[in-house]
Amino acid sequence: MEKTETRKGYLFTKRYSNYIFTLLFLLYLFDYADRMVVNSMFTSIQAEWHINDTQCGWLVSVIYLAIGILTFPISFLVDRWSRTKTIGIMAIIWSIATALCALTGNYVQLFMARIMIGFGEAGYAPGGSALISGLYPVERRSRMIGFWNASIPLGSAIGVTMGGIIAQSFGWKHAFGLVAFPGLVIAVLFLFVKDYKTVELSFVDRKNTKVRMKARDIIAEFTSKWSLILTYFGMACVVFVTTAMIVWLPKYFEVDRHLPPKTAGTLAGVVMMLALIGAPLGGYLTDRWRKTQPRARLLFPAFSTLISAILLFVALILLRGTGQLIVLFLFGILVMSFVSGPSAVTQDVIHPGLRATSYSVAVAVQNLFGSFTAPIVIGKMSDLTNLKTAMAILPTVLLVGSILFYIGSKFYMRDLEKVAVIKMEAA
């Protein structure tokens, strides 16, 4: 198993590692605020530009399509060049693109600006995951990734809530400029933080000889480990559901419960923001359980995702009113508790010099099969039937994800034994 040996497992001092982590957290927060601010403005945009639900879904899906296309080449650059500089440059690009959304005059212009946001965000999650994995001891990896991923629901909730409030009070375009500026400031700061040395792509063979990895060795890192492959697709299932909920829950509250946009956006934001509890709690519980159960990083998400599927089924199919809200709040806490374990697995069972690339594969699979697909599929089903019927498929998707995590756990220990032991060094 990979070890980091400086300062009790920390790459830098604990204080400086936490400073870098704080910037990473804030960048991820504004990443998702920029990405999701449009969701609670669908009704306002439709009223002005006369577009349908499918077109609204595309305003979100196009970001994930752009990320899915570019994440692999950008993440390979992250692994081979610099995590910190690449992250800073990407954040500057997506912040400027978000501000440009405020200047658009029609659907096509807004669509193109949203594509640019996706281009900017393409390598951020892989770069951030790799950097966190290098900053902290392996036994704290799930916990820190869990805390980091708590920024996703917080940023999404801020974006959704601000979008609804600003659209109703001042006009929907103003929201883009307000969420773009803070991310731009943090992006510039991040260009000047320290990094770890780029890890050489090599391994020690059976003759105890250091061998440089060839293309076939790199490919084998990803294709020979079933725990990794199943983790990628298990994550995609959960991300399909969380994206669908973030995108369509505001409008679901509007059309099914007849709530005004401001109230609908706020309630949807609260549901997803409760993952602020679930994501770090899941990371903490996973690391605790891992002390006695080595497969915990995949077993925990298998169980938590199964329970999330049951809760969502009850909320969407069986309940209405206050009872529905209570169950959705419980769902909001639990559904993101899965994320830290599988995210850590993408770093655990791969060569340390390919960590960002590994997470980029996870991002590509999540985006193409989850985040990109969900808004369009639910939007199209809504146009053909109604939004309530469309969202009724989501519990089944979570069930599939739970099964994939459980099967993947069967291969985890075997795949972990294949990983090269590399000492991480500060740049």
Protein backbone atom coordinates (compact mmCIF):
# COMPACT_ATOMS: atom_id res chain seq x y z
CA MET A 1 0.00 0.00 0.00
CA GLU A 2 1.28 3.48 -0.91
CA LYS A 3 2.85 5.51 1.90
CA THR A 4 3.62 9.16 2.46
CA GLU A 5 6.31 9.65 5.07
CA THR A 6 6.90 13.34 5.74
CA ARG A 7 5.46 14.98 8.88
CA LYS A 8 3.46 11.94 10.08
CA GLY A 9 2.18 11.27 6.58
CA TYR A 10 1.57 14.91 5.54
CA LEU A 11 3.30 16.16 2.41
CA PHE A 12 3.79 19.64 3.93
CA THR A 13 2.99 20.87 7.42
CA LYS A 14 -0.54 20.07 8.55
CA ARG A 15 -1.36 23.79 8.63
CA TYR A 16 -0.22 24.41 5.06
CA SER A 17 -1.96 21.26 3.83
CA ASN A 18 -5.17 22.53 5.39
CA TYR A 19 -4.69 25.93 3.71
CA ILE A 20 -4.44 24.26 0.30
CA PHE A 21 -7.44 22.11 1.16
CA THR A 22 -9.49 25.19 2.08
CA LEU A 23 -8.78 26.79 -1.31
CA LEU A 24 -9.67 23.50 -3.04
CA PHE A 25 -12.93 23.37 -1.08
CA LEU A 26 -13.87 26.94 -2.02
CA LEU A 27 -13.02 26.38 -5.68
CA TYR A 28 -15.21 23.27 -5.82
CA LEU A 29 -17.99 25.22 -4.11
CA PHE A 30 -17.96 27.97 -6.75
CA ASP A 31 -17.42 25.39 -9.49
CA TYR A 32 -20.83 23.94 -8.64
CA ALA A 33 -22.45 27.30 -7.93
CA ASP A 34 -21.43 28.43 -11.43
CA ARG A 35 -22.60 25.13 -12.88
CA MET A 36 -25.99 24.93 -11.12
CA VAL A 37 -27.13 28.56 -10.81
CA VAL A 38 -29.18 28.15 -14.00
CA ASN A 39 -31.37 25.36 -12.57
CA SER A 40 -33.84 27.43 -10.58
CA MET A 41 -34.06 30.00 -13.42
CA PHE A 42 -35.57 27.59 -15.97
CA THR A 43 -39.07 29.02 -15.59
CA SER A 44 -37.78 32.60 -16.07
CA ILE A 45 -35.65 31.65 -19.09
CA GLN A 46 -38.54 29.71 -20.64
CA ALA A 47 -40.86 32.68 -20.21
CA GLU A 48 -38.39 35.02 -21.96
CA TRP A 49 -37.02 32.75 -24.71
CA HIS A 50 -39.88 30.22 -25.11
CA ILE A 51 -37.76 27.05 -24.81
CA ASN A 52 -38.92 23.61 -23.60
CA ASP A 53 -37.71 21.33 -20.79
CA THR A 54 -35.37 19.38 -23.08
CA GLN A 55 -33.58 22.59 -24.06
CA CYS A 56 -33.35 23.57 -20.39
CA GLY A 57 -31.80 20.20 -19.64
CA TRP A 58 -29.20 20.79 -22.33
CA LEU A 59 -28.02 23.97 -20.58
CA VAL A 60 -26.78 21.70 -17.79
CA SER A 61 -25.90 18.60 -19.79
CA VAL A 62 -23.64 20.46 -22.20
CA ILE A 63 -21.28 21.25 -19.32
CA TYR A 64 -20.94 17.58 -18.47
CA LEU A 65 -20.48 16.67 -22.12
CA ALA A 66 -17.60 19.17 -22.39
CA ILE A 67 -16.08 17.83 -19.17
CA GLY A 68 -16.42 14.24 -20.37
CA ILE A 69 -14.65 15.01 -23.64
CA LEU A 70 -11.74 16.99 -22.19
CA THR A 71 -11.23 15.54 -18.72
CA PHE A 72 -8.86 12.73 -19.77
CA PRO A 73 -6.30 14.78 -21.77
CA ILE A 74 -6.35 17.63 -19.24
CA SER A 75 -5.97 15.25 -16.31
CA PHE A 76 -3.01 13.53 -17.95
CA LEU A 77 -1.46 17.02 -18.15
CA VAL A 78 -2.26 17.49 -14.45
CA ASP A 79 -0.42 14.26 -13.58
CA ARG A 80 2.60 15.01 -15.78
CA TRP A 81 2.95 18.81 -15.24
CA SER A 82 1.46 20.61 -12.23
CA ARG A 83 -1.69 20.12 -10.20
CA THR A 84 -1.79 23.62 -8.71
CA LYS A 85 -1.09 25.62 -11.87
CA THR A 86 -3.51 23.59 -13.96
CA ILE A 87 -6.26 23.94 -11.35
CA GLY A 88 -5.74 27.72 -11.11
CA ILE A 89 -5.87 28.20 -14.89
CA MET A 90 -8.99 26.06 -15.21
CA ALA A 91 -10.79 27.98 -12.46
CA ILE A 92 -10.01 31.31 -14.16
CA ILE A 93 -11.50 30.00 -17.42
CA TRP A 94 -14.75 28.71 -15.90
CA SER A 95 -15.24 31.89 -13.83
CA ILE A 96 -14.89 34.15 -16.87
CA ALA A 97 -17.23 31.90 -18.88
CA THR A 98 -19.86 32.13 -16.12
CA ALA A 99 -19.67 35.93 -16.18
CA LEU A 100 -20.17 35.86 -19.96
CA CYS A 101 -23.51 34.07 -19.44
CA ALA A 102 -24.86 37.34 -18.04
CA LEU A 103 -24.18 39.06 -21.37
CA THR A 104 -26.00 36.58 -23.61
CA GLY A 105 -28.98 37.66 -25.69
CA ASN A 106 -30.45 34.35 -26.87
CA TYR A 107 -30.46 30.61 -26.20
CA VAL A 108 -27.58 29.78 -28.57
CA GLN A 109 -25.27 32.35 -26.95
CA LEU A 110 -26.09 31.05 -23.47
CA PHE A 111 -25.54 27.48 -24.68
CA MET A 112 -22.07 28.37 -26.04
CA ALA A 113 -21.10 30.14 -22.81
CA ARG A 114 -22.16 27.06 -20.84
CA ILE A 115 -19.89 24.93 -23.05
CA MET A 116 -16.96 27.16 -22.05
CA ILE A 117 -17.77 26.59 -18.37
CA GLY A 118 -17.47 22.85 -19.02
CA PHE A 119 -14.14 23.27 -20.79
CA GLY A 120 -12.80 25.16 -17.78
CA GLU A 121 -14.04 22.59 -15.28
CA ALA A 122 -12.84 19.54 -17.22
CA GLY A 123 -9.84 18.61 -15.07
CA TYR A 124 -10.65 20.18 -11.72
CA ALA A 125 -12.08 17.17 -9.87
CA PRO A 126 -9.24 14.84 -10.98
CA GLY A 127 -6.60 17.44 -10.14
CA GLY A 128 -8.12 18.17 -6.75
CA SER A 129 -8.45 14.47 -5.88
CA ALA A 130 -4.84 13.80 -6.79
CA LEU A 131 -3.62 16.77 -4.77
CA ILE A 132 -5.62 15.80 -1.67
CA SER A 133 -4.37 12.20 -1.94
CA GLY A 134 -0.81 13.50 -1.92
CA LEU A 135 -1.35 16.05 0.86
CA TYR A 136 -2.78 13.71 3.52
CA PRO A 137 -1.95 10.29 5.02
CA VAL A 138 -3.67 7.33 3.37
CA GLU A 139 -5.69 6.56 6.50
CA ARG A 140 -7.30 10.05 6.29
CA ARG A 141 -7.95 9.92 2.54
CA SER A 142 -11.65 9.02 2.62
CA ARG A 143 -12.33 11.56 5.35
CA MET A 144 -10.67 14.47 3.55
CA ILE A 145 -12.22 13.57 0.20
CA GLY A 146 -15.56 13.40 2.00
CA PHE A 147 -15.09 16.89 3.44
CA TRP A 148 -13.99 18.16 0.03
CA ASN A 149 -17.04 16.71 -1.71
CA ALA A 150 -19.29 18.42 0.82
CA SER A 151 -18.58 21.55 -1.22
CA ILE A 152 -20.61 20.05 -4.10
CA PRO A 153 -24.03 20.20 -2.42
CA LEU A 154 -23.15 23.48 -0.72
CA GLY A 155 -22.13 25.09 -4.01
CA SER A 156 -25.11 23.58 -5.80
CA ALA A 157 -27.47 24.83 -3.09
CA ILE A 158 -25.94 28.31 -3.21
CA GLY A 159 -26.29 28.39 -6.98
CA VAL A 160 -29.86 27.06 -7.02
CA THR A 161 -31.00 29.27 -4.14
CA MET A 162 -29.34 32.43 -5.48
CA GLY A 163 -30.66 31.74 -8.97
CA GLY A 164 -34.25 31.56 -7.76
CA ILE A 165 -34.03 34.61 -5.51
CA ILE A 166 -32.18 36.83 -7.98
CA ALA A 167 -34.32 35.75 -10.95
CA GLN A 168 -37.48 36.67 -9.08
CA SER A 169 -36.11 39.93 -7.66
CA PHE A 170 -33.77 41.42 -10.28
CA GLY A 171 -33.88 39.29 -13.44
CA TRP A 172 -32.15 35.98 -14.07
CA LYS A 173 -28.98 37.21 -15.84
CA HIS A 174 -27.64 39.02 -12.79
CA ALA A 175 -27.06 35.73 -10.94
CA PHE A 176 -24.26 34.65 -13.29
CA GLY A 177 -22.08 37.66 -12.57
CA LEU A 178 -22.54 37.37 -8.80
CA VAL A 179 -21.37 33.74 -8.59
CA ALA A 180 -18.47 34.20 -11.04
CA PHE A 181 -16.40 36.79 -9.16
CA PRO A 182 -15.48 34.90 -5.93
CA GLY A 183 -14.21 31.88 -7.88
CA LEU A 184 -12.00 34.12 -10.00
CA VAL A 185 -10.32 35.60 -6.91
CA ILE A 186 -9.62 32.17 -5.37
CA ALA A 187 -8.33 30.86 -8.71
CA VAL A 188 -5.64 33.54 -8.82
CA LEU A 189 -4.58 32.70 -5.24
CA PHE A 190 -4.29 29.03 -6.15
CA LEU A 191 -1.68 29.70 -8.82
CA PHE A 192 0.83 30.40 -6.03
CA VAL A 193 0.38 27.40 -3.69
CA LYS A 194 2.92 24.56 -3.42
CA ASP A 195 2.62 21.22 -5.17
CA TYR A 196 4.15 17.75 -4.92
CA LYS A 197 6.79 16.51 -7.34
CA THR A 198 5.39 14.83 -10.42
CA VAL A 199 5.61 11.07 -9.86
CA GLU A 200 7.68 9.09 -12.36
CA LEU A 201 5.70 6.47 -14.25
CA SER A 202 7.70 3.39 -13.25
CA PHE A 203 7.42 0.22 -11.21
CA VAL A 204 9.68 -2.49 -9.76
CA ASP A 205 9.49 -5.81 -11.60
CA ARG A 206 9.95 -9.33 -10.24
CA LYS A 207 13.74 -9.00 -10.58
CA ASN A 208 13.62 -5.94 -8.29
CA THR A 209 14.55 -3.73 -11.24
CA LYS A 210 13.03 -0.30 -11.80
CA VAL A 211 11.13 -0.33 -15.11
CA ARG A 212 9.60 2.65 -16.89
CA MET A 213 5.94 2.13 -17.70
CA LYS A 214 4.96 1.74 -21.34
CA ALA A 215 1.60 2.53 -22.90
CA ARG A 216 0.38 -1.04 -22.39
CA ASP A 217 1.32 -0.87 -18.70
CA ILE A 218 -0.65 2.37 -18.27
CA ILE A 219 -3.68 0.87 -20.03
CA ALA A 220 -3.43 -2.25 -17.86
CA GLU A 221 -3.64 -0.07 -14.74
CA PHE A 222 -7.20 0.76 -15.72
CA THR A 223 -8.41 -2.37 -17.52
CA SER A 224 -7.12 -5.11 -15.20
CA LYS A 225 -8.75 -3.90 -11.96
CA TRP A 226 -12.40 -4.78 -11.63
CA SER A 227 -12.83 -2.87 -8.38
CA LEU A 228 -11.87 0.29 -10.28
CA ILE A 229 -14.11 -0.37 -13.29
CA LEU A 230 -17.16 -1.21 -11.18
CA THR A 231 -16.48 1.81 -8.97
CA TYR A 232 -16.52 4.11 -12.00
CA PHE A 233 -19.96 2.90 -13.09
CA GLY A 234 -21.37 2.71 -9.56
CA MET A 235 -20.46 6.37 -9.11
CA ALA A 236 -22.12 7.19 -12.46
CA CYS A 237 -25.41 5.71 -11.23
CA VAL A 238 -25.47 7.84 -8.09
CA VAL A 239 -24.35 10.95 -9.97
CA PHE A 240 -27.17 10.40 -12.50
CA VAL A 241 -29.64 10.62 -9.62
CA THR A 242 -28.03 13.53 -7.74
CA THR A 243 -27.73 15.55 -10.96
CA ALA A 244 -31.35 14.84 -11.86
CA MET A 245 -32.43 15.95 -8.39
CA ILE A 246 -30.33 19.13 -8.45
CA VAL A 247 -31.57 20.07 -11.93
CA TRP A 248 -35.24 19.11 -11.74
CA LEU A 249 -36.24 19.22 -8.08
CA PRO A 250 -36.93 23.00 -8.15
CA LYS A 251 -39.32 22.62 -11.07
CA TYR A 252 -40.80 19.44 -9.52
CA PHE A 253 -41.76 21.49 -6.47
CA GLU A 254 -43.19 24.20 -8.73
CA VAL A 255 -45.37 21.96 -10.92
CA ASP A 256 -46.26 19.18 -8.46
CA ARG A 257 -46.63 21.21 -5.27
CA HIS A 258 -47.48 24.55 -6.92
CA LEU A 259 -44.77 26.50 -5.10
CA PRO A 260 -43.34 29.84 -6.36
CA PRO A 261 -39.82 29.72 -7.90
CA LYS A 262 -38.17 31.33 -4.86
CA THR A 263 -39.65 28.79 -2.43
CA ALA A 264 -39.11 25.84 -4.77
CA GLY A 265 -35.46 26.74 -5.34
CA THR A 266 -34.87 27.21 -1.62
CA LEU A 267 -36.43 23.86 -0.67
CA ALA A 268 -34.52 22.02 -3.40
CA GLY A 269 -31.34 23.73 -2.26
CA VAL A 270 -31.94 22.60 1.33
CA VAL A 271 -32.48 18.97 0.24
CA MET A 272 -29.18 18.84 -1.63
CA MET A 273 -27.30 21.02 0.88
CA LEU A 274 -27.94 18.39 3.56
CA ALA A 275 -25.19 16.40 1.86
CA LEU A 276 -22.96 18.81 3.83
CA ILE A 277 -23.69 16.40 6.67
CA GLY A 278 -23.68 13.21 4.61
CA ALA A 279 -20.46 13.57 2.61
CA PRO A 280 -18.04 14.17 5.52
CA LEU A 281 -19.99 11.81 7.80
CA GLY A 282 -19.72 9.09 5.17
CA GLY A 283 -15.97 9.68 4.88
CA TYR A 284 -15.53 9.53 8.65
CA LEU A 285 -17.59 6.35 9.02
CA THR A 286 -15.83 4.71 6.07
CA ASP A 287 -12.36 5.38 7.53
CA ARG A 288 -13.50 4.12 10.96
CA TRP A 289 -14.99 0.94 9.51
CA ARG A 290 -11.88 0.42 7.36
CA LYS A 291 -9.88 -0.24 10.55
CA THR A 292 -11.75 -3.55 10.93
CA GLN A 293 -13.10 -4.09 7.39
CA PRO A 294 -10.53 -3.43 4.60
CA ARG A 295 -13.29 -3.41 1.95
CA ALA A 296 -15.21 -0.62 3.70
CA ARG A 297 -14.53 1.94 0.98
CA LEU A 298 -16.88 0.02 -1.32
CA LEU A 299 -19.11 -1.79 1.17
CA PHE A 300 -20.25 1.43 2.86
CA PRO A 301 -21.44 3.07 -0.39
CA ALA A 302 -23.16 -0.19 -1.37
CA PHE A 303 -25.30 -0.04 1.78
CA SER A 304 -25.81 3.75 1.90
CA THR A 305 -26.86 3.85 -1.77
CA LEU A 306 -29.35 1.02 -1.22
CA ILE A 307 -30.97 2.88 1.69
CA SER A 308 -30.99 6.09 -0.41
CA ALA A 309 -32.90 4.23 -3.14
CA ILE A 310 -35.53 3.14 -0.63
CA LEU A 311 -35.93 6.64 0.80
CA LEU A 312 -36.27 8.24 -2.64
CA PHE A 313 -38.86 5.65 -3.70
CA VAL A 314 -40.92 6.38 -0.59
CA ALA A 315 -40.66 10.17 -1.09
CA LEU A 316 -41.50 10.26 -4.80
CA ILE A 317 -44.04 7.45 -5.03
CA LEU A 318 -45.75 7.04 -1.65
CA LEU A 319 -45.77 10.43 0.09
CA ARG A 320 -46.80 14.04 -0.32
CA GLY A 321 -46.78 17.13 1.86
CA THR A 322 -44.69 17.37 5.02
CA GLY A 323 -43.93 13.65 5.11
CA GLN A 324 -42.44 13.82 1.64
CA LEU A 325 -40.20 16.74 2.64
CA ILE A 326 -38.95 14.94 5.76
CA VAL A 327 -38.00 11.82 3.77
CA LEU A 328 -36.34 13.95 1.07
CA PHE A 329 -34.29 15.68 3.77
CA LEU A 330 -33.14 12.26 5.05
CA PHE A 331 -32.35 11.28 1.47
CA GLY A 332 -30.33 14.49 1.05
CA ILE A 333 -28.17 13.56 4.04
CA LEU A 334 -27.59 9.97 3.00
CA VAL A 335 -27.24 10.03 -0.79
CA MET A 336 -23.88 11.84 -0.84
CA SER A 337 -22.42 9.81 2.04
CA PHE A 338 -21.27 7.32 -0.60
CA VAL A 339 -18.82 9.64 -2.32
CA SER A 340 -15.66 9.52 -0.20
CA GLY A 341 -15.14 5.75 -0.35
CA PRO A 342 -15.33 5.26 -4.14
CA SER A 343 -13.36 8.49 -4.72
CA ALA A 344 -10.61 7.12 -2.47
CA VAL A 345 -10.71 3.80 -4.33
CA THR A 346 -9.91 5.59 -7.60
CA GLN A 347 -6.70 6.76 -5.86
CA ASP A 348 -5.98 3.60 -3.83
CA VAL A 349 -5.74 1.01 -6.57
CA ILE A 350 -3.91 3.06 -9.21
CA HIS A 351 -0.24 3.97 -9.68
CA PRO A 352 0.43 7.24 -7.74
CA GLY A 353 1.61 8.89 -10.97
CA LEU A 354 -1.80 8.32 -12.56
CA ARG A 355 -4.12 9.51 -9.80
CA ALA A 356 -5.56 12.51 -11.63
CA THR A 357 -5.91 10.40 -14.76
CA SER A 358 -7.75 7.73 -12.77
CA TYR A 359 -10.22 10.22 -11.40
CA SER A 360 -10.59 11.72 -14.87
CA VAL A 361 -11.84 8.34 -16.07
CA ALA A 362 -14.31 8.38 -13.16
CA VAL A 363 -15.37 11.90 -14.15
CA ALA A 364 -15.73 10.94 -17.82
CA VAL A 365 -17.89 7.92 -16.96
CA GLN A 366 -19.92 9.92 -14.41
CA ASN A 367 -20.49 12.77 -16.84
CA LEU A 368 -21.24 10.81 -20.00
CA PHE A 369 -23.46 8.20 -18.31
CA GLY A 370 -24.67 10.27 -15.35
CA SER A 371 -24.50 14.05 -15.26
CA PHE A 372 -24.76 14.60 -19.02
CA THR A 373 -27.48 12.03 -19.51
CA ALA A 374 -29.70 12.78 -16.50
CA PRO A 375 -30.98 16.30 -17.35
CA ILE A 376 -31.77 15.31 -20.94
CA VAL A 377 -33.37 11.96 -20.11
CA ILE A 378 -35.55 13.40 -17.36
CA GLY A 379 -36.36 16.47 -19.48
CA LYS A 380 -37.36 14.31 -22.48
CA MET A 381 -39.45 11.96 -20.32
CA SER A 382 -41.10 15.00 -18.76
CA ASP A 383 -42.00 16.37 -22.21
CA LEU A 384 -43.46 12.98 -23.21
CA THR A 385 -45.30 12.29 -19.93
CA ASN A 386 -44.84 14.53 -16.89
CA LEU A 387 -42.04 15.41 -14.50
CA LYS A 388 -43.30 13.22 -11.66
CA THR A 389 -43.33 10.13 -13.88
CA ALA A 390 -39.88 10.95 -15.23
CA MET A 391 -38.33 11.22 -11.76
CA ALA A 392 -39.90 7.91 -10.67
CA ILE A 393 -37.06 6.03 -12.44
CA LEU A 394 -34.39 7.43 -10.10
CA PRO A 395 -34.67 4.88 -7.22
CA THR A 396 -34.01 2.03 -9.68
CA VAL A 397 -30.83 3.74 -10.90
CA LEU A 398 -29.59 3.97 -7.29
CA LEU A 399 -30.29 0.26 -6.80
CA VAL A 400 -28.06 -0.57 -9.77
CA GLY A 401 -25.29 1.58 -8.30
CA SER A 402 -25.52 -0.22 -4.95
CA ILE A 403 -25.10 -3.60 -6.65
CA LEU A 404 -22.05 -2.40 -8.62
CA PHE A 405 -20.32 -1.13 -5.45
CA TYR A 406 -20.93 -4.43 -3.68
CA ILE A 407 -19.54 -6.53 -6.52
CA GLY A 408 -16.55 -4.18 -6.79
CA SER A 409 -15.73 -4.70 -3.11
CA LYS A 410 -15.07 -8.37 -3.88
CA PHE A 411 -12.08 -7.39 -6.04
CA TYR A 412 -10.73 -4.47 -3.97
CA MET A 413 -8.08 -6.26 -1.85
CA ARG A 414 -6.68 -8.17 -4.81
CA ASP A 415 -6.36 -4.96 -6.86
CA LEU A 416 -4.77 -3.09 -3.95
CA GLU A 417 -1.92 -5.59 -3.83
CA LYS A 418 -0.95 -4.70 -7.41
CA VAL A 419 -0.24 -1.00 -6.66
CA ALA A 420 3.34 0.28 -6.85
CA VAL A 421 4.75 1.72 -3.59
CA ILE A 422 5.99 5.27 -4.32
CA LYS A 423 7.21 7.83 -1.78
CA MET A 424 5.61 11.23 -2.36
CA GLU A 425 7.89 14.30 -2.19
CA ALA A 426 7.16 18.02 -1.97
CA ALA A 427 8.10 20.08 -5.00
